Amino acid sequence: MKTHVTLLIFFFFFESVSVSFGIDDARLKDRLTGGVFELVFWKNFDIKSLGATDEQLYRVLMDIYREAEDKWPTLTPGTTEWGQNRITLEGVLGCLPLCGNVPVKDFLLDYAVSKEKESGTRTAALSSYLRVADAEEAKDVLLRFLVGEDRMDLERLSVYGFARMAYDESDSLEKKAAILDALAVAADKEEGKIRFMKVDGILAERSAAYRQSRERLAMLERHSQEPPTANLYTDRDLKTALEESHKYKRHTSINTNLAAVMSRNVPPVVAPPASPPPRPHLAVPLAVGAGLLAALVLLGTHLWRRR
């Protein structure tokens, strides 16, 4: 923690100088490889405050990327140097969405698809792709990696987490709905309860239509028949969700059909929740409070005049 605070102080101290005079490629590269990657991931540092342009940031990031990729064949997996090289690559992939209008989608998607790449860096590329993707692109890539031709195995838990972050960070209702659509299909096709409860929690927190659906009830009942897991929270949460789902007097219906969700002509099947309307009953206590305050003022004025 002390190291992170020191990094923050160091970079904020030189921020005004960097903005005024810009920054050359060599200094930008030194800053990036010297710890800025971590700060960017925490969103505690605006990398553009260094005075770099979008094109310059992209150019330097790709230079760091090429150097790290060239090192892979010479490193032994599991060693400290191998781990540091992996962090460097993840840093580059995580920063590419910050390059403004510089096109990075194709590079990120190609990297995520490549089975020759290390699994951790592949998921980092996928996470960044989801951040810059539009609604259809986000839906397509999630279906591809969760239920389609490039379906991931152990990494699916990470992909669900990335989808949640992309949903929460997006201002587009269309993109939010597309992400939920893809996750609903993935939930229906999950075999084990641990991964299912991961995606179920994401969906249930963000879509009342999913949470109260008969399709979800069927999924919960199916997974409740599986043997207990080593994760006590999974079994506990599954039991709680199933009991809640049984209590609904009316159930909604959602579409978890892969072909239907992939169709661009089908409206969202799991719409994101709308903002809750204002609560009208609050006007009553507010009015009573205002009336009481007025009465107290009048009473105080009357007593003061009688003095």
Protein backbone atom coordinates (compact mmCIF):
# COMPACT_ATOMS: atom_id res chain seq x y z
CA MET A 1 0.00 0.00 0.00
CA LYS A 2 2.88 2.36 0.84
CA THR A 3 4.36 1.77 -2.62
CA HIS A 4 1.05 2.63 -4.29
CA VAL A 5 0.74 5.87 -2.33
CA THR A 6 4.31 6.82 -3.27
CA LEU A 7 3.51 6.21 -6.94
CA LEU A 8 0.46 8.43 -6.72
CA ILE A 9 2.40 11.28 -5.11
CA PHE A 10 5.20 10.96 -7.68
CA PHE A 11 2.94 11.06 -10.72
CA PHE A 12 0.65 13.80 -9.41
CA PHE A 13 3.73 15.96 -8.58
CA PHE A 14 4.90 15.94 -12.19
CA GLU A 15 1.43 16.11 -13.73
CA SER A 16 1.35 19.88 -14.31
CA VAL A 17 4.79 19.86 -15.96
CA SER A 18 3.81 17.02 -18.29
CA VAL A 19 0.63 18.75 -19.40
CA SER A 20 2.39 22.05 -20.09
CA PHE A 21 5.24 20.69 -22.17
CA GLY A 22 3.93 17.33 -23.38
CA ILE A 23 5.93 14.17 -23.01
CA ASP A 24 8.21 12.34 -25.42
CA ASP A 25 7.95 8.65 -26.24
CA ALA A 26 10.89 7.62 -24.05
CA ARG A 27 9.55 9.33 -20.93
CA LEU A 28 6.03 8.04 -21.54
CA LYS A 29 7.39 4.52 -21.89
CA ASP A 30 9.33 4.89 -18.64
CA ARG A 31 6.20 6.10 -16.83
CA LEU A 32 4.07 3.26 -18.17
CA THR A 33 6.55 0.53 -17.30
CA GLY A 34 7.35 2.15 -13.96
CA GLY A 35 3.98 1.60 -12.31
CA VAL A 36 1.31 3.61 -14.13
CA PHE A 37 -0.34 0.41 -15.37
CA GLU A 38 -1.44 -0.42 -11.82
CA LEU A 39 -2.73 3.08 -11.19
CA VAL A 40 -4.72 3.06 -14.41
CA PHE A 41 -6.35 -0.24 -13.47
CA TRP A 42 -7.41 1.23 -10.13
CA LYS A 43 -8.70 4.32 -11.96
CA ASN A 44 -6.62 6.45 -9.60
CA PHE A 45 -4.63 8.10 -12.36
CA ASP A 46 -5.61 9.80 -15.61
CA ILE A 47 -2.92 8.69 -18.02
CA LYS A 48 -3.81 11.49 -20.44
CA SER A 49 -2.66 13.97 -17.79
CA LEU A 50 0.89 13.10 -18.85
CA GLY A 51 0.28 15.18 -21.97
CA ALA A 52 0.33 12.25 -24.41
CA THR A 53 -1.86 12.22 -27.51
CA ASP A 54 -4.00 9.23 -28.43
CA GLU A 55 -1.69 8.31 -31.28
CA GLN A 56 1.42 8.65 -29.13
CA LEU A 57 -0.07 6.52 -26.34
CA TYR A 58 -0.98 3.83 -28.85
CA ARG A 59 2.48 3.94 -30.45
CA VAL A 60 4.28 3.56 -27.11
CA LEU A 61 1.93 0.85 -25.86
CA MET A 62 2.49 -1.23 -28.98
CA ASP A 63 6.25 -0.76 -28.62
CA ILE A 64 6.04 -2.15 -25.07
CA TYR A 65 3.79 -4.94 -26.34
CA ARG A 66 6.24 -6.04 -29.04
CA GLU A 67 9.11 -6.15 -26.56
CA ALA A 68 7.09 -8.24 -24.10
CA GLU A 69 5.91 -10.62 -26.82
CA ASP A 70 9.49 -11.13 -28.01
CA LYS A 71 10.49 -12.11 -24.46
CA TRP A 72 7.95 -14.93 -24.08
CA PRO A 73 10.00 -17.67 -25.81
CA THR A 74 12.99 -16.95 -23.57
CA LEU A 75 11.12 -17.09 -20.24
CA THR A 76 10.29 -20.05 -18.01
CA PRO A 77 6.61 -20.21 -16.98
CA GLY A 78 6.07 -19.61 -13.29
CA THR A 79 9.22 -17.58 -12.74
CA THR A 80 9.22 -14.02 -11.42
CA GLU A 81 10.38 -12.63 -14.77
CA TRP A 82 7.66 -14.58 -16.59
CA GLY A 83 5.03 -13.20 -14.21
CA GLN A 84 6.27 -9.64 -14.66
CA ASN A 85 6.16 -10.02 -18.42
CA ARG A 86 2.58 -11.21 -18.15
CA ILE A 87 1.68 -8.16 -16.03
CA THR A 88 3.26 -5.92 -18.66
CA LEU A 89 1.18 -7.48 -21.42
CA GLU A 90 -1.99 -7.24 -19.35
CA GLY A 91 -1.14 -3.58 -18.71
CA VAL A 92 -0.82 -2.85 -22.43
CA LEU A 93 -4.07 -4.65 -23.22
CA GLY A 94 -5.83 -2.85 -20.39
CA CYS A 95 -4.66 0.59 -21.55
CA LEU A 96 -5.45 0.24 -25.26
CA PRO A 97 -9.10 1.36 -24.81
CA LEU A 98 -7.70 4.70 -23.60
CA CYS A 99 -6.31 5.49 -27.05
CA GLY A 100 -9.38 7.47 -28.09
CA ASN A 101 -10.30 7.11 -31.74
CA VAL A 102 -7.32 4.90 -32.58
CA PRO A 103 -8.89 1.61 -33.78
CA VAL A 104 -7.99 -1.19 -31.36
CA LYS A 105 -11.02 -3.51 -31.56
CA ASP A 106 -9.64 -5.86 -34.20
CA PHE A 107 -6.32 -6.25 -32.40
CA LEU A 108 -8.01 -6.99 -29.06
CA LEU A 109 -10.44 -9.49 -30.55
CA ASP A 110 -7.71 -11.29 -32.53
CA TYR A 111 -5.63 -11.54 -29.37
CA ALA A 112 -8.53 -12.89 -27.30
CA VAL A 113 -9.35 -15.51 -29.94
CA SER A 114 -5.76 -16.73 -30.33
CA LYS A 115 -5.39 -19.98 -28.38
CA GLU A 116 -1.61 -19.61 -28.67
CA LYS A 117 -1.70 -16.72 -26.20
CA GLU A 118 -1.55 -17.17 -22.44
CA SER A 119 -5.02 -17.55 -20.90
CA GLY A 120 -4.67 -14.62 -18.49
CA THR A 121 -3.65 -12.16 -21.19
CA ARG A 122 -6.42 -13.49 -23.46
CA THR A 123 -9.04 -12.64 -20.86
CA ALA A 124 -7.44 -9.21 -20.37
CA ALA A 125 -7.84 -8.58 -24.11
CA LEU A 126 -11.45 -9.73 -23.93
CA SER A 127 -12.14 -7.40 -21.02
CA SER A 128 -10.77 -4.42 -22.96
CA TYR A 129 -12.70 -5.41 -26.08
CA LEU A 130 -15.95 -5.42 -24.10
CA ARG A 131 -15.22 -1.88 -22.92
CA VAL A 132 -14.94 -0.48 -26.47
CA ALA A 133 -17.49 -2.74 -28.18
CA ASP A 134 -20.92 -1.54 -29.23
CA ALA A 135 -24.12 -3.42 -28.31
CA GLU A 136 -24.02 -6.05 -31.06
CA GLU A 137 -20.28 -6.57 -30.74
CA ALA A 138 -20.55 -7.07 -26.99
CA LYS A 139 -23.36 -9.58 -27.38
CA ASP A 140 -21.59 -11.50 -30.14
CA VAL A 141 -18.28 -11.78 -28.32
CA LEU A 142 -19.90 -12.90 -25.07
CA LEU A 143 -21.89 -15.59 -26.86
CA ARG A 144 -18.73 -16.66 -28.68
CA PHE A 145 -16.65 -17.10 -25.51
CA LEU A 146 -19.40 -18.33 -23.19
CA VAL A 147 -21.42 -20.74 -25.32
CA GLY A 148 -19.97 -20.69 -28.84
CA GLU A 149 -16.99 -21.87 -30.84
CA ASP A 150 -14.39 -20.31 -28.54
CA ARG A 151 -16.08 -21.23 -25.27
CA MET A 152 -13.69 -20.82 -22.37
CA ASP A 153 -13.50 -23.25 -19.47
CA LEU A 154 -12.06 -22.05 -16.17
CA GLU A 155 -11.90 -18.48 -17.49
CA ARG A 156 -15.69 -18.22 -17.78
CA LEU A 157 -15.87 -16.93 -14.21
CA SER A 158 -13.58 -14.07 -15.22
CA VAL A 159 -15.60 -13.40 -18.36
CA TYR A 160 -18.77 -13.07 -16.29
CA GLY A 161 -16.98 -10.52 -14.12
CA PHE A 162 -15.80 -8.57 -17.17
CA ALA A 163 -19.34 -8.57 -18.57
CA ARG A 164 -20.62 -7.16 -15.29
CA MET A 165 -18.04 -4.36 -15.36
CA ALA A 166 -18.82 -3.54 -19.00
CA TYR A 167 -22.53 -3.38 -18.13
CA ASP A 168 -22.01 -1.13 -15.12
CA GLU A 169 -19.64 1.22 -16.96
CA SER A 170 -21.77 1.61 -20.09
CA ASP A 171 -24.13 4.55 -20.59
CA SER A 172 -25.89 2.77 -23.46
CA LEU A 173 -29.16 1.04 -22.57
CA GLU A 174 -28.87 -0.90 -25.82
CA LYS A 175 -25.46 -2.26 -24.83
CA LYS A 176 -26.67 -3.08 -21.32
CA ALA A 177 -29.61 -5.03 -22.75
CA ALA A 178 -27.33 -6.88 -25.20
CA ILE A 179 -25.01 -7.95 -22.38
CA LEU A 180 -27.93 -9.22 -20.31
CA ASP A 181 -29.29 -11.13 -23.31
CA ALA A 182 -25.98 -12.94 -23.80
CA LEU A 183 -25.62 -13.71 -20.10
CA ALA A 184 -29.13 -15.17 -19.95
CA VAL A 185 -28.23 -17.63 -22.72
CA ALA A 186 -25.00 -18.51 -20.94
CA ALA A 187 -26.83 -19.06 -17.64
CA ASP A 188 -29.19 -21.52 -19.27
CA LYS A 189 -26.26 -23.53 -20.66
CA GLU A 190 -24.08 -23.62 -17.53
CA GLU A 191 -23.47 -27.16 -16.31
CA GLY A 192 -22.15 -26.53 -12.79
CA LYS A 193 -23.76 -24.58 -9.99
CA ILE A 194 -20.68 -22.48 -9.10
CA ARG A 195 -20.46 -20.81 -12.49
CA PHE A 196 -24.24 -20.70 -12.78
CA MET A 197 -24.61 -18.85 -9.48
CA LYS A 198 -21.96 -16.35 -10.61
CA VAL A 199 -23.89 -15.36 -13.73
CA ASP A 200 -27.26 -15.74 -12.01
CA GLY A 201 -26.25 -13.20 -9.37
CA ILE A 202 -25.18 -10.69 -12.02
CA LEU A 203 -28.46 -11.08 -13.91
CA ALA A 204 -30.76 -11.11 -10.88
CA GLU A 205 -29.27 -7.88 -9.54
CA ARG A 206 -29.73 -6.07 -12.85
CA SER A 207 -32.95 -7.43 -14.36
CA ALA A 208 -36.28 -7.93 -12.62
CA ALA A 209 -37.52 -9.71 -15.75
CA TYR A 210 -34.83 -12.35 -15.33
CA ARG A 211 -35.08 -12.55 -11.55
CA GLN A 212 -38.80 -13.30 -11.66
CA SER A 213 -38.79 -15.51 -14.76
CA ARG A 214 -39.98 -19.11 -14.94
CA GLU A 215 -36.84 -19.90 -16.94
CA ARG A 216 -34.70 -18.88 -13.98
CA LEU A 217 -36.85 -20.98 -11.65
CA ALA A 218 -36.24 -24.01 -13.88
CA MET A 219 -32.48 -23.37 -13.86
CA LEU A 220 -32.41 -23.03 -10.08
CA GLU A 221 -34.39 -26.25 -9.64
CA ARG A 222 -32.05 -28.09 -12.02
CA HIS A 223 -28.89 -26.98 -10.24
CA SER A 224 -30.40 -27.68 -6.81
CA GLN A 225 -30.34 -31.38 -7.73
CA GLU A 226 -26.54 -31.34 -8.05
CA PRO A 227 -24.34 -32.60 -5.19
CA PRO A 228 -23.16 -30.02 -2.61
CA THR A 229 -20.07 -28.04 -3.57
CA ALA A 230 -16.98 -27.23 -1.53
CA ASN A 231 -18.11 -23.60 -1.64
CA LEU A 232 -20.69 -23.19 1.12
CA TYR A 233 -21.79 -19.78 -0.17
CA THR A 234 -22.79 -21.28 -3.52
CA ASP A 235 -25.18 -23.80 -1.96
CA ARG A 236 -26.54 -21.26 0.49
CA ASP A 237 -27.18 -18.65 -2.19
CA LEU A 238 -28.76 -21.22 -4.49
CA LYS A 239 -31.18 -22.32 -1.76
CA THR A 240 -32.09 -18.71 -0.97
CA ALA A 241 -32.65 -17.83 -4.64
CA LEU A 242 -34.80 -20.92 -5.19
CA GLU A 243 -36.99 -20.15 -2.17
CA GLU A 244 -37.42 -16.57 -3.37
CA SER A 245 -38.29 -17.68 -6.88
CA HIS A 246 -40.97 -20.04 -5.59
CA LYS A 247 -42.64 -17.20 -3.69
CA TYR A 248 -43.44 -15.12 -6.78
CA LYS A 249 -47.17 -15.28 -7.52
CA ARG A 250 -46.56 -14.47 -11.16
CA HIS A 251 -43.52 -15.34 -13.23
CA THR A 252 -42.23 -13.48 -16.27
CA SER A 253 -40.81 -15.21 -19.33
CA ILE A 254 -37.49 -14.55 -21.07
CA ASN A 255 -35.93 -15.98 -24.22
CA THR A 256 -32.78 -18.03 -23.67
CA ASN A 257 -32.73 -19.44 -27.19
CA LEU A 258 -29.28 -18.88 -28.71
CA ALA A 259 -30.50 -18.44 -32.28
CA ALA A 260 -33.12 -15.90 -31.24
CA VAL A 261 -30.70 -13.84 -29.18
CA MET A 262 -28.10 -13.88 -31.96
CA SER A 263 -30.64 -12.47 -34.41
CA ARG A 264 -30.19 -8.76 -34.94
CA ASN A 265 -33.90 -8.37 -35.67
CA VAL A 266 -35.09 -9.53 -32.27
CA PRO A 267 -35.64 -6.90 -29.54
CA PRO A 268 -33.89 -7.34 -26.20
CA VAL A 269 -35.25 -10.28 -24.25
CA VAL A 270 -33.90 -9.17 -20.89
CA ALA A 271 -34.33 -5.43 -20.66
CA PRO A 272 -32.23 -3.54 -18.10
CA PRO A 273 -34.22 -2.03 -15.21
CA ALA A 274 -35.57 1.47 -15.60
CA SER A 275 -34.97 4.14 -12.99
CA PRO A 276 -37.51 3.77 -10.16
CA PRO A 277 -40.26 6.42 -10.19
CA PRO A 278 -40.37 8.93 -7.34
CA ARG A 279 -42.26 7.74 -4.27
CA PRO A 280 -45.44 9.91 -4.08
CA HIS A 281 -46.21 9.02 -0.46
CA LEU A 282 -43.18 11.10 0.61
CA ALA A 283 -45.19 14.23 -0.20
CA VAL A 284 -47.54 13.60 2.76
CA PRO A 285 -44.94 13.67 5.56
CA LEU A 286 -43.18 16.56 3.84
CA ALA A 287 -46.41 18.57 3.74
CA VAL A 288 -47.16 17.74 7.38
CA GLY A 289 -43.62 18.76 8.36
CA ALA A 290 -43.92 22.05 6.48
CA GLY A 291 -47.27 22.79 8.13
CA LEU A 292 -45.91 22.01 11.59
CA LEU A 293 -42.91 24.27 11.01
CA ALA A 294 -45.18 27.13 9.91
CA ALA A 295 -47.34 26.69 13.01
CA LEU A 296 -44.32 26.82 15.30
CA VAL A 297 -43.10 30.01 13.62
CA LEU A 298 -46.50 31.69 14.08
CA LEU A 299 -46.70 30.58 17.70
CA GLY A 300 -43.22 31.92 18.41
CA THR A 301 -44.09 35.27 16.79
CA HIS A 302 -47.30 35.54 18.83
CA LEU A 303 -45.52 34.85 22.12
CA TRP A 304 -42.75 37.34 21.31
CA ARG A 305 -45.31 40.13 20.62
CA ARG A 306 -47.03 39.50 23.96
CA ARG A 307 -43.80 40.10 25.86
